[in-house]
Amino acid sequence: MSFPYFHDNRSFFQPSAFLLIGIPGLEAVHGWLSIPFCSMYTLALTGNCLILLAVRRTPSLHQPMYYFLSMLSLTDLGLTLCTLPTTLAVLWFDYRRIAFDACLIQMFFLHSFSVVESSVLLAMSFDRFVAISNPLRYASVLTNSVIGRIGMAIVTRASVSLFPVPFLLKRLNFCPEKIQLSHSFCFHADMMKRACADITVNILYGLYVVLSTGFLDSLLIALSYGLILHTVMGLASPQERIRALNTCVSHILAVLVFYIPGVGVSIIHRFGRNAPPIVHAFVAYVYLVVPPVLNPIIYSVKSKHIREAMFKLLRRKGQS
């Protein structure tokens, strides 16, 4: 299960594997709990794939707003596929072992996709600001090449921000008796707490990543909506104001669905040491599983164009 070796003349222990946990205290009903989890994963995969296909196959949706929505759907697919294998392995087969390096890889991609999602939501707020404040220049400002560069910048930002994290964990001396994690997937905060070493560097770097990505993005999104409201209040008629704000509702809901659970995860890991394990598990699952499920529903309900394109796609599949 694990191996010690010598490092700087001291015994250095690094586990060959961690043990995952499902829903603490509900192990006896994991089989039944797998049903709602399978349903949510199926909804997330189906909904986001439908949005991607609808945007790709509908020429009228080849616009900046829907390109950013496609980025969001791709990110939600990534988040879903990060947690799906280990979560269902625990719930279905009680297979709890995950190799140390595999845990590092899962943790890197899980947090990277979270940073990407935050960045995409920021880009979508910029899209809404340009569309409302300067609609005549909307297409000339957000060209395909500009959107492509924004997408590359988002991926680069996430990769560079998270790249040091696996190496900072790899250098730690872990406790042999603390190889059980608190979730059915690998979180950075959860892994570093299993170390029998000074984790100050890990904590500070983790805080830097949170502040320079999610916290900064949320401030800039709030600033964007402050500018949007200022622009909307300058419109002549109440009908124009309502119409302009209505184009932002889907994005606002997506922001709330992502950031509220994200804040909950940060708080529970930093200040909720005495909280029951089931609370940690519930907040983490809401943060990682619920947004990929709800985002396609939000956009299909609020966007007539997306809804019609998805229905047309489903009818075409049904006839073939």
C-alpha atoms as a PDB file:
ATOM      1  CA  MET A   1       0.000   0.000   0.000  1.00  0.00           C
ATOM      2  CA  SER A   2       2.849   2.405   0.731  1.00  0.00           C
ATOM      3  CA  PHE A   3       6.591   2.699   0.851  1.00  0.00           C
ATOM      4  CA  PRO A   4       9.081   4.640   3.001  1.00  0.00           C
ATOM      5  CA  TYR A   5      12.435   5.765   1.750  1.00  0.00           C
ATOM      6  CA  PHE A   6      15.217   8.042   2.954  1.00  0.00           C
ATOM      7  CA  HIS A   7      15.271  11.705   2.148  1.00  0.00           C
ATOM      8  CA  ASP A   8      17.801  14.154   3.635  1.00  0.00           C
ATOM      9  CA  ASN A   9      18.909  11.506   6.153  1.00  0.00           C
ATOM     10  CA  ARG A  10      15.390  11.135   7.554  1.00  0.00           C
ATOM     11  CA  SER A  11      12.750   8.522   6.947  1.00  0.00           C
ATOM     12  CA  PHE A  12      10.476   9.912   4.261  1.00  0.00           C
ATOM     13  CA  PHE A  13       7.078   8.327   3.751  1.00  0.00           C
ATOM     14  CA  GLN A  14       4.965   8.704   0.654  1.00  0.00           C
ATOM     15  CA  PRO A  15       1.899   6.472   0.239  1.00  0.00           C
ATOM     16  CA  SER A  16       1.663   4.421  -2.908  1.00  0.00           C
ATOM     17  CA  ALA A  17      -2.107   4.983  -2.739  1.00  0.00           C
ATOM     18  CA  PHE A  18      -4.813   6.868  -0.894  1.00  0.00           C
ATOM     19  CA  LEU A  19      -8.167   5.484   0.178  1.00  0.00           C
ATOM     20  CA  LEU A  20     -11.251   7.355  -1.039  1.00  0.00           C
ATOM     21  CA  ILE A  21     -14.521   7.577   0.841  1.00  0.00           C
ATOM     22  CA  GLY A  22     -18.063   7.864  -0.482  1.00  0.00           C
ATOM     23  CA  ILE A  23     -20.756   9.422   1.673  1.00  0.00           C
ATOM     24  CA  PRO A  24     -19.553   9.180   5.291  1.00  0.00           C
ATOM     25  CA  GLY A  25     -22.023   7.372   7.532  1.00  0.00           C
ATOM     26  CA  LEU A  26     -24.083   6.149   4.581  1.00  0.00           C
ATOM     27  CA  GLU A  27     -21.795   3.373   3.355  1.00  0.00           C
ATOM     28  CA  ALA A  28     -24.571   0.788   3.770  1.00  0.00           C
ATOM     29  CA  VAL A  29     -26.724   2.536   1.144  1.00  0.00           C
ATOM     30  CA  HIS A  30     -24.027   3.434  -1.379  1.00  0.00           C
ATOM     31  CA  GLY A  31     -25.741   1.234  -3.953  1.00  0.00           C
ATOM     32  CA  TRP A  32     -28.960   3.231  -3.674  1.00  0.00           C
ATOM     33  CA  LEU A  33     -27.076   6.539  -3.612  1.00  0.00           C
ATOM     34  CA  SER A  34     -25.425   5.600  -6.901  1.00  0.00           C
ATOM     35  CA  ILE A  35     -28.832   5.984  -8.623  1.00  0.00           C
ATOM     36  CA  PRO A  36     -29.145   9.778  -8.138  1.00  0.00           C
ATOM     37  CA  PHE A  37     -25.436  10.198  -8.867  1.00  0.00           C
ATOM     38  CA  CYS A  38     -25.748   8.219 -12.111  1.00  0.00           C
ATOM     39  CA  SER A  39     -28.783  10.314 -13.029  1.00  0.00           C
ATOM     40  CA  MET A  40     -26.901  13.565 -12.425  1.00  0.00           C
ATOM     41  CA  TYR A  41     -23.839  12.425 -14.345  1.00  0.00           C
ATOM     42  CA  THR A  42     -26.040  11.282 -17.244  1.00  0.00           C
ATOM     43  CA  LEU A  43     -27.850  14.639 -17.284  1.00  0.00           C
ATOM     44  CA  ALA A  44     -24.555  16.544 -17.181  1.00  0.00           C
ATOM     45  CA  LEU A  45     -22.992  14.545 -20.006  1.00  0.00           C
ATOM     46  CA  THR A  46     -26.125  14.546 -22.170  1.00  0.00           C
ATOM     47  CA  GLY A  47     -27.029  18.210 -21.621  1.00  0.00           C
ATOM     48  CA  ASN A  48     -23.562  19.589 -22.292  1.00  0.00           C
ATOM     49  CA  CYS A  49     -23.013  17.346 -25.334  1.00  0.00           C
ATOM     50  CA  LEU A  50     -26.373  18.499 -26.743  1.00  0.00           C
ATOM     51  CA  ILE A  51     -25.375  22.156 -26.337  1.00  0.00           C
ATOM     52  CA  LEU A  52     -22.053  21.546 -28.095  1.00  0.00           C
ATOM     53  CA  LEU A  53     -23.753  19.717 -30.980  1.00  0.00           C
ATOM     54  CA  ALA A  54     -26.523  22.322 -31.225  1.00  0.00           C
ATOM     55  CA  VAL A  55     -24.032  25.193 -31.480  1.00  0.00           C
ATOM     56  CA  ARG A  56     -21.849  23.323 -33.959  1.00  0.00           C
ATOM     57  CA  ARG A  57     -24.684  22.285 -36.289  1.00  0.00           C
ATOM     58  CA  THR A  58     -26.765  25.482 -36.179  1.00  0.00           C
ATOM     59  CA  PRO A  59     -25.215  28.296 -38.269  1.00  0.00           C
ATOM     60  CA  SER A  60     -27.383  30.939 -36.575  1.00  0.00           C
ATOM     61  CA  LEU A  61     -25.670  30.092 -33.264  1.00  0.00           C
ATOM     62  CA  HIS A  62     -22.188  30.804 -34.614  1.00  0.00           C
ATOM     63  CA  GLN A  63     -21.961  33.949 -32.501  1.00  0.00           C
ATOM     64  CA  PRO A  64     -19.632  34.982 -29.643  1.00  0.00           C
ATOM     65  CA  MET A  65     -22.235  34.370 -26.921  1.00  0.00           C
ATOM     66  CA  TYR A  66     -22.736  30.756 -27.997  1.00  0.00           C
ATOM     67  CA  TYR A  67     -19.023  30.135 -28.530  1.00  0.00           C
ATOM     68  CA  PHE A  68     -18.466  31.091 -24.890  1.00  0.00           C
ATOM     69  CA  LEU A  69     -21.388  28.843 -23.927  1.00  0.00           C
ATOM     70  CA  SER A  70     -19.625  26.012 -25.775  1.00  0.00           C
ATOM     71  CA  MET A  71     -16.483  26.692 -23.720  1.00  0.00           C
ATOM     72  CA  LEU A  72     -18.595  26.461 -20.566  1.00  0.00           C
ATOM     73  CA  SER A  73     -20.089  23.152 -21.705  1.00  0.00           C
ATOM     74  CA  LEU A  74     -16.660  21.721 -22.536  1.00  0.00           C
ATOM     75  CA  THR A  75     -15.433  22.735 -19.089  1.00  0.00           C
ATOM     76  CA  ASP A  76     -18.462  21.159 -17.409  1.00  0.00           C
ATOM     77  CA  LEU A  77     -17.807  17.944 -19.334  1.00  0.00           C
ATOM     78  CA  GLY A  78     -14.228  18.005 -18.062  1.00  0.00           C
ATOM     79  CA  LEU A  79     -15.345  18.522 -14.457  1.00  0.00           C
ATOM     80  CA  THR A  80     -17.868  15.703 -14.770  1.00  0.00           C
ATOM     81  CA  LEU A  81     -15.375  13.249 -16.253  1.00  0.00           C
ATOM     82  CA  CYS A  82     -12.835  14.122 -13.528  1.00  0.00           C
ATOM     83  CA  THR A  83     -15.010  12.864 -10.680  1.00  0.00           C
ATOM     84  CA  LEU A  84     -17.234  10.287 -12.411  1.00  0.00           C
ATOM     85  CA  PRO A  85     -14.855   7.251 -12.488  1.00  0.00           C
ATOM     86  CA  THR A  86     -13.748   7.332  -8.848  1.00  0.00           C
ATOM     87  CA  THR A  87     -17.157   8.327  -7.457  1.00  0.00           C
ATOM     88  CA  LEU A  88     -19.002   5.507  -9.210  1.00  0.00           C
ATOM     89  CA  ALA A  89     -16.199   3.040  -8.400  1.00  0.00           C
ATOM     90  CA  VAL A  90     -16.688   3.794  -4.701  1.00  0.00           C
ATOM     91  CA  LEU A  91     -20.495   3.760  -4.801  1.00  0.00           C
ATOM     92  CA  TRP A  92     -20.893   0.728  -7.092  1.00  0.00           C
ATOM     93  CA  PHE A  93     -17.984  -1.548  -6.204  1.00  0.00           C
ATOM     94  CA  ASP A  94     -16.630  -0.099  -2.935  1.00  0.00           C
ATOM     95  CA  TYR A  95     -13.319   0.251  -4.776  1.00  0.00           C
ATOM     96  CA  ARG A  96     -11.627   2.951  -2.735  1.00  0.00           C
ATOM     97  CA  ARG A  97      -7.953   2.726  -3.679  1.00  0.00           C
ATOM     98  CA  ILE A  98      -6.381   5.376  -5.908  1.00  0.00           C
ATOM     99  CA  ALA A  99      -2.670   5.463  -6.682  1.00  0.00           C
ATOM    100  CA  PHE A 100      -0.776   8.459  -5.331  1.00  0.00           C
ATOM    101  CA  ASP A 101       0.255   9.728  -8.772  1.00  0.00           C
ATOM    102  CA  ALA A 102      -3.248   9.126 -10.163  1.00  0.00           C
ATOM    103  CA  CYS A 103      -4.614  11.176  -7.272  1.00  0.00           C
ATOM    104  CA  LEU A 104      -2.223  14.011  -8.143  1.00  0.00           C
ATOM    105  CA  ILE A 105      -3.346  13.908 -11.787  1.00  0.00           C
ATOM    106  CA  GLN A 106      -7.044  13.911 -10.856  1.00  0.00           C
ATOM    107  CA  MET A 107      -6.474  16.767  -8.411  1.00  0.00           C
ATOM    108  CA  PHE A 108      -4.596  18.807 -11.043  1.00  0.00           C
ATOM    109  CA  PHE A 109      -7.317  18.449 -13.685  1.00  0.00           C
ATOM    110  CA  LEU A 110     -10.164  18.918 -11.200  1.00  0.00           C
ATOM    111  CA  HIS A 111      -8.788  22.239  -9.957  1.00  0.00           C
ATOM    112  CA  SER A 112      -7.688  23.263 -13.458  1.00  0.00           C
ATOM    113  CA  PHE A 113     -11.213  22.829 -14.820  1.00  0.00           C
ATOM    114  CA  SER A 114     -12.539  24.826 -11.859  1.00  0.00           C
ATOM    115  CA  VAL A 115     -10.186  27.690 -12.742  1.00  0.00           C
ATOM    116  CA  VAL A 116     -11.172  27.394 -16.419  1.00  0.00           C
ATOM    117  CA  GLU A 117     -14.875  27.565 -15.492  1.00  0.00           C
ATOM    118  CA  SER A 118     -14.302  30.683 -13.417  1.00  0.00           C
ATOM    119  CA  SER A 119     -12.372  32.266 -16.307  1.00  0.00           C
ATOM    120  CA  VAL A 120     -15.051  31.344 -18.859  1.00  0.00           C
ATOM    121  CA  LEU A 121     -17.743  32.923 -16.663  1.00  0.00           C
ATOM    122  CA  LEU A 122     -15.616  36.083 -16.558  1.00  0.00           C
ATOM    123  CA  ALA A 123     -15.271  36.037 -20.354  1.00  0.00           C
ATOM    124  CA  MET A 124     -19.044  35.611 -20.663  1.00  0.00           C
ATOM    125  CA  SER A 125     -19.591  38.678 -18.466  1.00  0.00           C
ATOM    126  CA  PHE A 126     -17.291  40.654 -20.783  1.00  0.00           C
ATOM    127  CA  ASP A 127     -19.329  39.341 -23.725  1.00  0.00           C
ATOM    128  CA  ARG A 128     -22.548  40.620 -22.136  1.00  0.00           C
ATOM    129  CA  PHE A 129     -20.954  43.999 -21.345  1.00  0.00           C
ATOM    130  CA  VAL A 130     -19.841  44.507 -24.966  1.00  0.00           C
ATOM    131  CA  ALA A 131     -23.208  43.319 -26.329  1.00  0.00           C
ATOM    132  CA  ILE A 132     -25.167  45.764 -24.159  1.00  0.00           C
ATOM    133  CA  SER A 133     -22.854  48.775 -24.018  1.00  0.00           C
ATOM    134  CA  ASN A 134     -21.752  48.766 -27.662  1.00  0.00           C
ATOM    135  CA  PRO A 135     -24.019  46.483 -29.705  1.00  0.00           C
ATOM    136  CA  LEU A 136     -23.004  47.990 -33.054  1.00  0.00           C
ATOM    137  CA  ARG A 137     -19.371  47.006 -32.525  1.00  0.00           C
ATOM    138  CA  TYR A 138     -20.145  43.661 -30.860  1.00  0.00           C
ATOM    139  CA  ALA A 139     -19.240  41.478 -33.848  1.00  0.00           C
ATOM    140  CA  SER A 140     -16.140  43.515 -34.712  1.00  0.00           C
ATOM    141  CA  VAL A 141     -14.793  43.439 -31.121  1.00  0.00           C
ATOM    142  CA  LEU A 142     -15.444  39.739 -30.429  1.00  0.00           C
ATOM    143  CA  THR A 143     -14.200  38.213 -33.654  1.00  0.00           C
ATOM    144  CA  ASN A 144     -13.464  34.496 -33.986  1.00  0.00           C
ATOM    145  CA  SER A 145      -9.727  35.122 -33.619  1.00  0.00           C
ATOM    146  CA  VAL A 146     -10.259  37.188 -30.449  1.00  0.00           C
ATOM    147  CA  ILE A 147     -12.467  34.454 -28.975  1.00  0.00           C
ATOM    148  CA  GLY A 148      -9.831  31.850 -29.874  1.00  0.00           C
ATOM    149  CA  ARG A 149      -7.122  33.883 -28.127  1.00  0.00           C
ATOM    150  CA  ILE A 150      -9.343  34.298 -25.062  1.00  0.00           C
ATOM    151  CA  GLY A 151      -9.844  30.528 -24.964  1.00  0.00           C
ATOM    152  CA  MET A 152      -6.088  29.894 -25.211  1.00  0.00           C
ATOM    153  CA  ALA A 153      -5.405  32.460 -22.484  1.00  0.00           C
ATOM    154  CA  ILE A 154      -7.955  30.753 -20.200  1.00  0.00           C
ATOM    155  CA  VAL A 155      -6.384  27.305 -20.645  1.00  0.00           C
ATOM    156  CA  THR A 156      -2.853  28.701 -20.219  1.00  0.00           C
ATOM    157  CA  ARG A 157      -3.835  30.566 -17.081  1.00  0.00           C
ATOM    158  CA  ALA A 158      -5.315  27.454 -15.466  1.00  0.00           C
ATOM    159  CA  SER A 159      -2.373  25.230 -16.456  1.00  0.00           C
ATOM    160  CA  VAL A 160       0.282  27.676 -15.233  1.00  0.00           C
ATOM    161  CA  SER A 161      -1.574  28.404 -11.973  1.00  0.00           C
ATOM    162  CA  LEU A 162      -1.991  24.728 -11.061  1.00  0.00           C
ATOM    163  CA  PHE A 163       1.281  23.358 -12.478  1.00  0.00           C
ATOM    164  CA  PRO A 164       3.318  23.755  -9.222  1.00  0.00           C
ATOM    165  CA  VAL A 165       0.653  22.154  -7.003  1.00  0.00           C
ATOM    166  CA  PRO A 166       1.412  18.445  -7.689  1.00  0.00           C
ATOM    167  CA  PHE A 167       5.132  19.080  -7.101  1.00  0.00           C
ATOM    168  CA  LEU A 168       4.434  20.919  -3.836  1.00  0.00           C
ATOM    169  CA  LEU A 169       2.446  17.880  -2.674  1.00  0.00           C
ATOM    170  CA  LYS A 170       5.056  15.426  -3.947  1.00  0.00           C
ATOM    171  CA  ARG A 171       7.722  16.918  -1.672  1.00  0.00           C
ATOM    172  CA  LEU A 172       5.694  16.369   1.525  1.00  0.00           C
ATOM    173  CA  ASN A 173       6.280  13.657   4.097  1.00  0.00           C
ATOM    174  CA  PHE A 174       2.918  11.933   4.647  1.00  0.00           C
ATOM    175  CA  CYS A 175       1.529  10.175   7.706  1.00  0.00           C
ATOM    176  CA  PRO A 176       1.159   6.379   7.257  1.00  0.00           C
ATOM    177  CA  GLU A 177      -2.002   6.372   9.385  1.00  0.00           C
ATOM    178  CA  LYS A 178      -3.686   9.207   7.446  1.00  0.00           C
ATOM    179  CA  ILE A 179      -4.089   7.830   3.934  1.00  0.00           C
ATOM    180  CA  GLN A 180      -7.914   8.041   3.853  1.00  0.00           C
ATOM    181  CA  LEU A 181      -9.242  11.091   2.037  1.00  0.00           C
ATOM    182  CA  SER A 182     -12.541  12.824   2.799  1.00  0.00           C
ATOM    183  CA  HIS A 183     -14.142  12.471  -0.634  1.00  0.00           C
ATOM    184  CA  SER A 184     -14.443  10.089  -3.556  1.00  0.00           C
ATOM    185  CA  PHE A 185     -12.004  12.303  -5.495  1.00  0.00           C
ATOM    186  CA  CYS A 186      -8.762  14.161  -4.750  1.00  0.00           C
ATOM    187  CA  PHE A 187      -8.845  17.760  -3.473  1.00  0.00           C
ATOM    188  CA  HIS A 188      -5.649  19.732  -2.864  1.00  0.00           C
ATOM    189  CA  ALA A 189      -6.725  20.865   0.619  1.00  0.00           C
ATOM    190  CA  ASP A 190      -7.732  17.325   1.550  1.00  0.00           C
ATOM    191  CA  MET A 191      -4.451  15.777   0.347  1.00  0.00           C
ATOM    192  CA  MET A 192      -2.124  18.252   2.016  1.00  0.00           C
ATOM    193  CA  LYS A 193      -3.823  17.719   5.386  1.00  0.00           C
ATOM    194  CA  ARG A 194      -2.643  14.096   5.254  1.00  0.00           C
ATOM    195  CA  ALA A 195       0.991  15.244   5.508  1.00  0.00           C
ATOM    196  CA  CYS A 196       3.156  14.992   8.626  1.00  0.00           C
ATOM    197  CA  ALA A 197       5.152  18.039   7.589  1.00  0.00           C
ATOM    198  CA  ASP A 198       5.030  21.801   7.419  1.00  0.00           C
ATOM    199  CA  ILE A 199       2.394  22.649   4.794  1.00  0.00           C
ATOM    200  CA  THR A 200       2.727  26.451   5.041  1.00  0.00           C
ATOM    201  CA  VAL A 201       4.000  26.726   1.452  1.00  0.00           C
ATOM    202  CA  ASN A 202       1.085  24.609   0.190  1.00  0.00           C
ATOM    203  CA  ILE A 203      -1.438  26.699   2.118  1.00  0.00           C
ATOM    204  CA  LEU A 204       0.030  30.002   0.892  1.00  0.00           C
ATOM    205  CA  TYR A 205       0.217  28.862  -2.723  1.00  0.00           C
ATOM    206  CA  GLY A 206      -3.324  27.466  -2.552  1.00  0.00           C
ATOM    207  CA  LEU A 207      -4.496  30.811  -1.176  1.00  0.00           C
ATOM    208  CA  TYR A 208      -2.639  32.627  -3.970  1.00  0.00           C
ATOM    209  CA  VAL A 209      -4.371  30.489  -6.616  1.00  0.00           C
ATOM    210  CA  VAL A 210      -7.804  31.106  -5.063  1.00  0.00           C
ATOM    211  CA  LEU A 211      -7.241  34.877  -4.812  1.00  0.00           C
ATOM    212  CA  SER A 212      -5.676  35.249  -8.273  1.00  0.00           C
ATOM    213  CA  THR A 213      -8.339  33.202 -10.039  1.00  0.00           C
ATOM    214  CA  GLY A 214     -11.759  32.717  -8.444  1.00  0.00           C
ATOM    215  CA  PHE A 215     -11.682  35.758  -6.140  1.00  0.00           C
ATOM    216  CA  LEU A 216     -10.294  38.087  -8.829  1.00  0.00           C
ATOM    217  CA  ASP A 217     -12.719  36.728 -11.416  1.00  0.00           C
ATOM    218  CA  SER A 218     -15.711  37.254  -9.124  1.00  0.00           C
ATOM    219  CA  LEU A 219     -14.654  40.864  -8.497  1.00  0.00           C
ATOM    220  CA  LEU A 220     -14.283  41.511 -12.233  1.00  0.00           C
ATOM    221  CA  ILE A 221     -17.655  39.880 -12.929  1.00  0.00           C
ATOM    222  CA  ALA A 222     -19.236  42.142 -10.296  1.00  0.00           C
ATOM    223  CA  LEU A 223     -17.510  45.134 -11.921  1.00  0.00           C
ATOM    224  CA  SER A 224     -18.826  44.080 -15.347  1.00  0.00           C
ATOM    225  CA  TYR A 225     -22.377  43.949 -14.044  1.00  0.00           C
ATOM    226  CA  GLY A 226     -21.946  47.307 -12.351  1.00  0.00           C
ATOM    227  CA  LEU A 227     -21.015  48.755 -15.745  1.00  0.00           C
ATOM    228  CA  ILE A 228     -23.867  46.839 -17.414  1.00  0.00           C
ATOM    229  CA  LEU A 229     -26.391  48.261 -14.928  1.00  0.00           C
ATOM    230  CA  HIS A 230     -25.005  51.765 -15.494  1.00  0.00           C
ATOM    231  CA  THR A 231     -25.480  51.305 -19.250  1.00  0.00           C
ATOM    232  CA  VAL A 232     -28.952  49.796 -18.875  1.00  0.00           C
ATOM    233  CA  MET A 233     -30.144  52.634 -16.640  1.00  0.00           C
ATOM    234  CA  GLY A 234     -29.250  55.028 -19.460  1.00  0.00           C
ATOM    235  CA  LEU A 235     -31.605  53.326 -21.905  1.00  0.00           C
ATOM    236  CA  ALA A 236     -34.701  55.281 -22.878  1.00  0.00           C
ATOM    237  CA  SER A 237     -37.599  52.927 -22.181  1.00  0.00           C
ATOM    238  CA  PRO A 238     -38.299  50.340 -19.431  1.00  0.00           C
ATOM    239  CA  GLN A 239     -38.911  47.744 -22.145  1.00  0.00           C
ATOM    240  CA  GLU A 240     -35.386  48.216 -23.506  1.00  0.00           C
ATOM    241  CA  ARG A 241     -33.955  47.906 -19.992  1.00  0.00           C
ATOM    242  CA  ILE A 242     -35.837  44.677 -19.318  1.00  0.00           C
ATOM    243  CA  ARG A 243     -34.847  43.259 -22.706  1.00  0.00           C
ATOM    244  CA  ALA A 244     -31.166  44.061 -22.093  1.00  0.00           C
ATOM    245  CA  LEU A 245     -31.142  42.614 -18.566  1.00  0.00           C
ATOM    246  CA  ASN A 246     -32.998  39.508 -19.727  1.00  0.00           C
ATOM    247  CA  THR A 247     -30.004  38.569 -21.920  1.00  0.00           C
ATOM    248  CA  CYS A 248     -27.905  38.374 -18.724  1.00  0.00           C
ATOM    249  CA  VAL A 249     -30.188  36.182 -16.602  1.00  0.00           C
ATOM    250  CA  SER A 250     -28.724  32.854 -17.762  1.00  0.00           C
ATOM    251  CA  HIS A 251     -25.187  34.023 -17.094  1.00  0.00           C
ATOM    252  CA  ILE A 252     -26.070  35.416 -13.661  1.00  0.00           C
ATOM    253  CA  LEU A 253     -27.646  32.085 -12.683  1.00  0.00           C
ATOM    254  CA  ALA A 254     -24.585  30.176 -13.950  1.00  0.00           C
ATOM    255  CA  VAL A 255     -22.315  32.470 -11.891  1.00  0.00           C
ATOM    256  CA  LEU A 256     -24.384  31.900  -8.735  1.00  0.00           C
ATOM    257  CA  VAL A 257     -24.532  28.121  -9.306  1.00  0.00           C
ATOM    258  CA  PHE A 258     -20.728  27.989  -9.583  1.00  0.00           C
ATOM    259  CA  TYR A 259     -19.502  30.543  -7.045  1.00  0.00           C
ATOM    260  CA  ILE A 260     -21.861  29.934  -4.106  1.00  0.00           C
ATOM    261  CA  PRO A 261     -20.862  26.242  -3.691  1.00  0.00           C
ATOM    262  CA  GLY A 262     -17.228  27.230  -4.423  1.00  0.00           C
ATOM    263  CA  VAL A 263     -17.252  29.668  -1.515  1.00  0.00           C
ATOM    264  CA  GLY A 264     -18.831  26.936   0.610  1.00  0.00           C
ATOM    265  CA  VAL A 265     -16.015  24.496  -0.221  1.00  0.00           C
ATOM    266  CA  SER A 266     -13.334  27.082   0.651  1.00  0.00           C
ATOM    267  CA  ILE A 267     -14.997  27.943   3.959  1.00  0.00           C
ATOM    268  CA  ILE A 268     -15.603  24.333   4.991  1.00  0.00           C
ATOM    269  CA  HIS A 269     -11.992  23.317   4.273  1.00  0.00           C
ATOM    270  CA  ARG A 270     -10.488  26.282   6.123  1.00  0.00           C
ATOM    271  CA  PHE A 271     -12.857  26.781   9.050  1.00  0.00           C
ATOM    272  CA  GLY A 272     -15.055  23.690   9.217  1.00  0.00           C
ATOM    273  CA  ARG A 273     -12.681  21.252  10.912  1.00  0.00           C
ATOM    274  CA  ASN A 274     -15.353  20.333  13.468  1.00  0.00           C
ATOM    275  CA  ALA A 275     -18.130  19.985  10.901  1.00  0.00           C
ATOM    276  CA  PRO A 276     -19.452  16.417  10.372  1.00  0.00           C
ATOM    277  CA  PRO A 277     -17.746  14.563   7.471  1.00  0.00           C
ATOM    278  CA  ILE A 278     -21.068  14.302   5.642  1.00  0.00           C
ATOM    279  CA  VAL A 279     -21.202  18.126   5.465  1.00  0.00           C
ATOM    280  CA  HIS A 280     -17.759  18.215   3.774  1.00  0.00           C
ATOM    281  CA  ALA A 281     -18.910  15.556   1.310  1.00  0.00           C
ATOM    282  CA  PHE A 282     -22.232  17.261   0.546  1.00  0.00           C
ATOM    283  CA  VAL A 283     -20.676  20.687  -0.126  1.00  0.00           C
ATOM    284  CA  ALA A 284     -17.970  19.174  -2.361  1.00  0.00           C
ATOM    285  CA  TYR A 285     -20.488  17.185  -4.421  1.00  0.00           C
ATOM    286  CA  VAL A 286     -22.706  20.254  -4.850  1.00  0.00           C
ATOM    287  CA  TYR A 287     -19.707  22.267  -6.055  1.00  0.00           C
ATOM    288  CA  LEU A 288     -18.459  19.691  -8.572  1.00  0.00           C
ATOM    289  CA  VAL A 289     -21.573  17.838  -9.737  1.00  0.00           C
ATOM    290  CA  VAL A 290     -24.450  20.339  -9.625  1.00  0.00           C
ATOM    291  CA  PRO A 291     -23.140  23.153 -11.960  1.00  0.00           C
ATOM    292  CA  PRO A 292     -22.522  20.771 -14.914  1.00  0.00           C
ATOM    293  CA  VAL A 293     -26.074  19.465 -14.422  1.00  0.00           C
ATOM    294  CA  LEU A 294     -27.801  22.842 -14.052  1.00  0.00           C
ATOM    295  CA  ASN A 295     -25.962  24.938 -16.658  1.00  0.00           C
ATOM    296  CA  PRO A 296     -27.471  23.154 -19.710  1.00  0.00           C
ATOM    297  CA  ILE A 297     -30.915  23.345 -18.076  1.00  0.00           C
ATOM    298  CA  ILE A 298     -30.532  27.061 -17.331  1.00  0.00           C
ATOM    299  CA  TYR A 299     -29.438  27.923 -20.867  1.00  0.00           C
ATOM    300  CA  SER A 300     -31.969  25.668 -22.595  1.00  0.00           C
ATOM    301  CA  VAL A 301     -34.812  27.164 -20.523  1.00  0.00           C
ATOM    302  CA  LYS A 302     -33.735  30.810 -20.822  1.00  0.00           C
ATOM    303  CA  SER A 303     -32.434  30.807 -24.416  1.00  0.00           C
ATOM    304  CA  LYS A 304     -35.068  30.221 -27.070  1.00  0.00           C
ATOM    305  CA  HIS A 305     -32.413  29.758 -29.765  1.00  0.00           C
ATOM    306  CA  ILE A 306     -30.546  27.072 -27.805  1.00  0.00           C
ATOM    307  CA  ARG A 307     -33.796  25.329 -26.874  1.00  0.00           C
ATOM    308  CA  GLU A 308     -35.014  25.215 -30.478  1.00  0.00           C
ATOM    309  CA  ALA A 309     -31.638  24.006 -31.754  1.00  0.00           C
ATOM    310  CA  MET A 310     -31.545  21.229 -29.138  1.00  0.00           C
ATOM    311  CA  PHE A 311     -35.112  20.102 -29.928  1.00  0.00           C
ATOM    312  CA  LYS A 312     -34.314  20.104 -33.650  1.00  0.00           C
ATOM    313  CA  LEU A 313     -31.232  18.003 -32.960  1.00  0.00           C
ATOM    314  CA  LEU A 314     -33.229  15.514 -30.850  1.00  0.00           C
ATOM    315  CA  ARG A 315     -35.964  15.244 -33.512  1.00  0.00           C
ATOM    316  CA  ARG A 316     -33.319  14.586 -36.152  1.00  0.00           C
ATOM    317  CA  LYS A 317     -31.787  11.847 -33.976  1.00  0.00           C
ATOM    318  CA  GLY A 318     -35.223  10.330 -33.375  1.00  0.00           C
ATOM    319  CA  GLN A 319     -35.976  10.145 -37.087  1.00  0.00           C
ATOM    320  CA  SER A 320     -32.634   8.572 -37.996  1.00  0.00           C
END
